[in-house]
């Protein structure tokens, strides 16, 4: 008799536990966010190409006053890494797993924007370099705004 009561009590506890336990839904990445992520990945591969594959040609073409290969390769490698993470996120299609990386990428764009502004203030650079910096500033400002907007909508 006690055994039957114990079994019944255990079953009731399990049923209550199942009801209390929240089933978290997997939040999928929307199609519009996938397109934005693809744009971010393409941009990352573009900068990877510029700073790892052809840094001499690129920096010479914008008449950058100095060349540091370690800086260029590091900068390109970070963009390559972010692009790979973005493609992985598109494949995984789970927002919760990717949210922190998305925030990190947006913060990275903000950091580049701030560094570009300091570069404009502190380093005298020729006109082609100024044009490139301003184009990248406009690009990064637009990506920061769009990324933050999608981040808010996705939550």
Protein backbone atom coordinates (compact mmCIF):
# COMPACT_ATOMS: atom_id res chain seq x y z
CA UNK A 1 0.00 0.00 0.00
CA UNK A 2 2.77 2.41 0.90
CA UNK A 3 4.54 1.50 -2.29
CA UNK A 4 1.47 2.45 -4.37
CA UNK A 5 1.13 5.74 -2.52
CA UNK A 6 4.82 6.50 -3.08
CA UNK A 7 4.51 5.73 -6.79
CA UNK A 8 1.45 7.94 -7.07
CA UNK A 9 3.19 10.77 -5.18
CA UNK A 10 6.28 10.48 -7.41
CA UNK A 11 4.10 10.57 -10.51
CA UNK A 12 2.32 13.71 -9.28
CA UNK A 13 5.64 15.45 -8.62
CA UNK A 14 6.90 14.54 -12.10
CA UNK A 15 3.71 15.88 -13.69
CA UNK A 16 3.94 19.13 -11.75
CA UNK A 17 7.62 19.45 -12.67
CA UNK A 18 6.77 19.02 -16.37
CA UNK A 19 4.17 21.77 -16.13
CA UNK A 20 6.49 24.13 -14.28
CA UNK A 21 9.44 23.54 -16.56
CA UNK A 22 9.47 26.14 -19.28
CA UNK A 23 10.06 24.91 -22.75
CA UNK A 24 12.24 27.45 -24.44
CA UNK A 25 11.61 27.94 -28.09
CA UNK A 26 14.53 28.18 -30.40
CA UNK A 27 14.44 31.69 -31.81
CA UNK A 28 15.32 31.44 -35.46
CA UNK A 29 17.16 34.09 -37.39
CA UNK A 30 14.73 35.93 -39.67
CA UNK A 31 15.25 36.08 -43.42
CA UNK A 32 15.96 39.80 -43.32
CA UNK A 33 18.57 39.28 -40.61
CA UNK A 34 20.12 36.48 -42.67
CA UNK A 35 20.49 38.93 -45.56
CA UNK A 36 22.07 41.48 -43.23
CA UNK A 37 24.43 38.83 -41.89
CA UNK A 38 25.37 37.91 -45.44
CA UNK A 39 26.16 41.58 -46.16
CA UNK A 40 28.32 41.66 -43.00
CA UNK A 41 30.11 38.47 -44.11
CA UNK A 42 30.75 39.81 -47.61
CA UNK A 43 32.11 43.03 -46.12
CA UNK A 44 34.34 40.97 -43.83
CA UNK A 45 35.70 38.93 -46.74
CA UNK A 46 36.28 42.16 -48.68
CA UNK A 47 38.40 43.58 -45.85
CA UNK A 48 40.12 40.22 -45.45
CA UNK A 49 41.08 40.37 -49.12
CA UNK A 50 42.34 43.95 -48.80
CA UNK A 51 44.36 43.46 -45.63
CA UNK A 52 45.67 39.89 -46.02
CA UNK A 53 45.88 39.17 -49.75
CA UNK A 54 46.78 42.56 -51.28
CA UNK A 55 47.78 44.93 -48.45
CA UNK A 56 50.72 46.45 -50.39
CA UNK A 57 48.61 47.19 -53.44
CA UNK A 58 45.66 48.50 -51.44
CA UNK A 59 47.67 50.77 -49.14
CA UNK A 60 49.74 52.04 -52.05
CA UNK A 61 46.60 52.82 -54.06
CA UNK A 62 45.13 54.98 -51.27
CA UNK A 63 48.60 56.49 -50.62
CA UNK A 64 48.66 55.43 -46.98
CA UNK A 65 51.75 57.05 -45.40
CA UNK A 66 53.09 53.91 -43.71
CA UNK A 67 52.75 50.13 -43.90
CA UNK A 68 52.85 47.68 -41.01
CA UNK A 69 52.33 44.11 -42.26
CA UNK A 70 51.48 42.76 -38.80
CA UNK A 71 48.70 45.33 -38.35
CA UNK A 72 47.29 44.63 -41.80
CA UNK A 73 47.33 40.86 -41.34
CA UNK A 74 45.81 41.10 -37.85
CA UNK A 75 43.08 43.42 -39.06
CA UNK A 76 42.29 41.13 -41.99
CA UNK A 77 42.38 38.03 -39.78
CA UNK A 78 39.81 39.51 -37.40
CA UNK A 79 37.50 40.24 -40.32
CA UNK A 80 38.04 36.73 -41.64
CA UNK A 81 37.18 35.25 -38.26
CA UNK A 82 34.02 37.33 -37.95
CA UNK A 83 32.95 36.38 -41.47
CA UNK A 84 33.38 32.68 -40.68
CA UNK A 85 31.35 33.09 -37.48
CA UNK A 86 28.62 34.87 -39.45
CA UNK A 87 28.41 32.08 -42.02
CA UNK A 88 28.30 29.55 -39.18
CA UNK A 89 25.44 31.50 -37.57
CA UNK A 90 23.50 31.54 -40.82
CA UNK A 91 23.92 27.77 -41.01
CA UNK A 92 22.93 27.19 -37.36
CA UNK A 93 19.91 29.51 -37.60
CA UNK A 94 19.68 30.05 -33.81
CA UNK A 95 19.63 33.61 -32.54
CA UNK A 96 20.47 32.83 -28.90
CA UNK A 97 23.71 31.08 -29.84
CA UNK A 98 24.78 33.91 -32.10
CA UNK A 99 23.55 36.99 -30.23
CA UNK A 100 26.81 37.65 -28.38
CA UNK A 101 28.92 37.29 -31.54
CA UNK A 102 26.56 39.68 -33.35
CA UNK A 103 26.99 42.21 -30.55
CA UNK A 104 30.77 41.74 -30.69
CA UNK A 105 30.81 42.35 -34.44
CA UNK A 106 28.77 45.52 -34.02
CA UNK A 107 31.11 46.67 -31.23
CA UNK A 108 34.06 45.94 -33.54
CA UNK A 109 32.55 48.17 -36.22
CA UNK A 110 32.09 50.91 -33.61
CA UNK A 111 35.73 50.53 -32.53
CA UNK A 112 36.92 50.85 -36.13
CA UNK A 113 34.76 53.94 -36.56
CA UNK A 114 36.27 55.56 -33.45
CA UNK A 115 39.80 54.68 -34.58
CA UNK A 116 39.10 56.15 -38.01
CA UNK A 117 37.90 59.40 -36.44
CA UNK A 118 41.06 59.57 -34.29
CA UNK A 119 43.09 58.88 -37.43
CA UNK A 120 41.41 61.79 -39.19
CA UNK A 121 42.23 64.09 -36.26
CA UNK A 122 45.76 62.95 -35.39
CA UNK A 123 47.44 61.65 -38.56
CA UNK A 124 48.04 63.83 -41.59
CA UNK A 125 47.07 61.64 -44.53
CA UNK A 126 46.80 62.39 -48.25
CA UNK A 127 43.48 62.98 -50.00
CA UNK A 128 43.00 59.39 -51.36
CA UNK A 129 43.40 58.07 -47.82
CA UNK A 130 40.90 60.62 -46.50
CA UNK A 131 38.39 59.55 -49.12
CA UNK A 132 38.84 55.88 -48.21
CA UNK A 133 38.49 56.65 -44.49
CA UNK A 134 35.29 58.63 -45.03
CA UNK A 135 33.79 55.94 -47.25
CA UNK A 136 34.55 53.35 -44.58
CA UNK A 137 33.16 55.64 -41.87
CA UNK A 138 29.88 56.00 -43.75
CA UNK A 139 29.81 52.24 -44.34
CA UNK A 140 30.48 51.42 -40.68
CA UNK A 141 27.97 54.00 -39.39
CA UNK A 142 25.28 52.51 -41.60
CA UNK A 143 26.18 48.95 -40.55
CA UNK A 144 26.17 49.89 -36.87
CA UNK A 145 22.75 51.52 -37.16
CA UNK A 146 21.25 48.65 -39.18
CA UNK A 147 22.82 45.96 -36.95
CA UNK A 148 21.52 47.63 -33.79
CA UNK A 149 18.08 48.04 -35.33
CA UNK A 150 17.93 44.35 -36.29
CA UNK A 151 19.28 43.37 -32.88
CA UNK A 152 16.37 45.17 -31.21
CA UNK A 153 13.83 43.63 -33.57
CA UNK A 154 15.23 40.12 -33.18
CA UNK A 155 14.89 40.27 -29.39
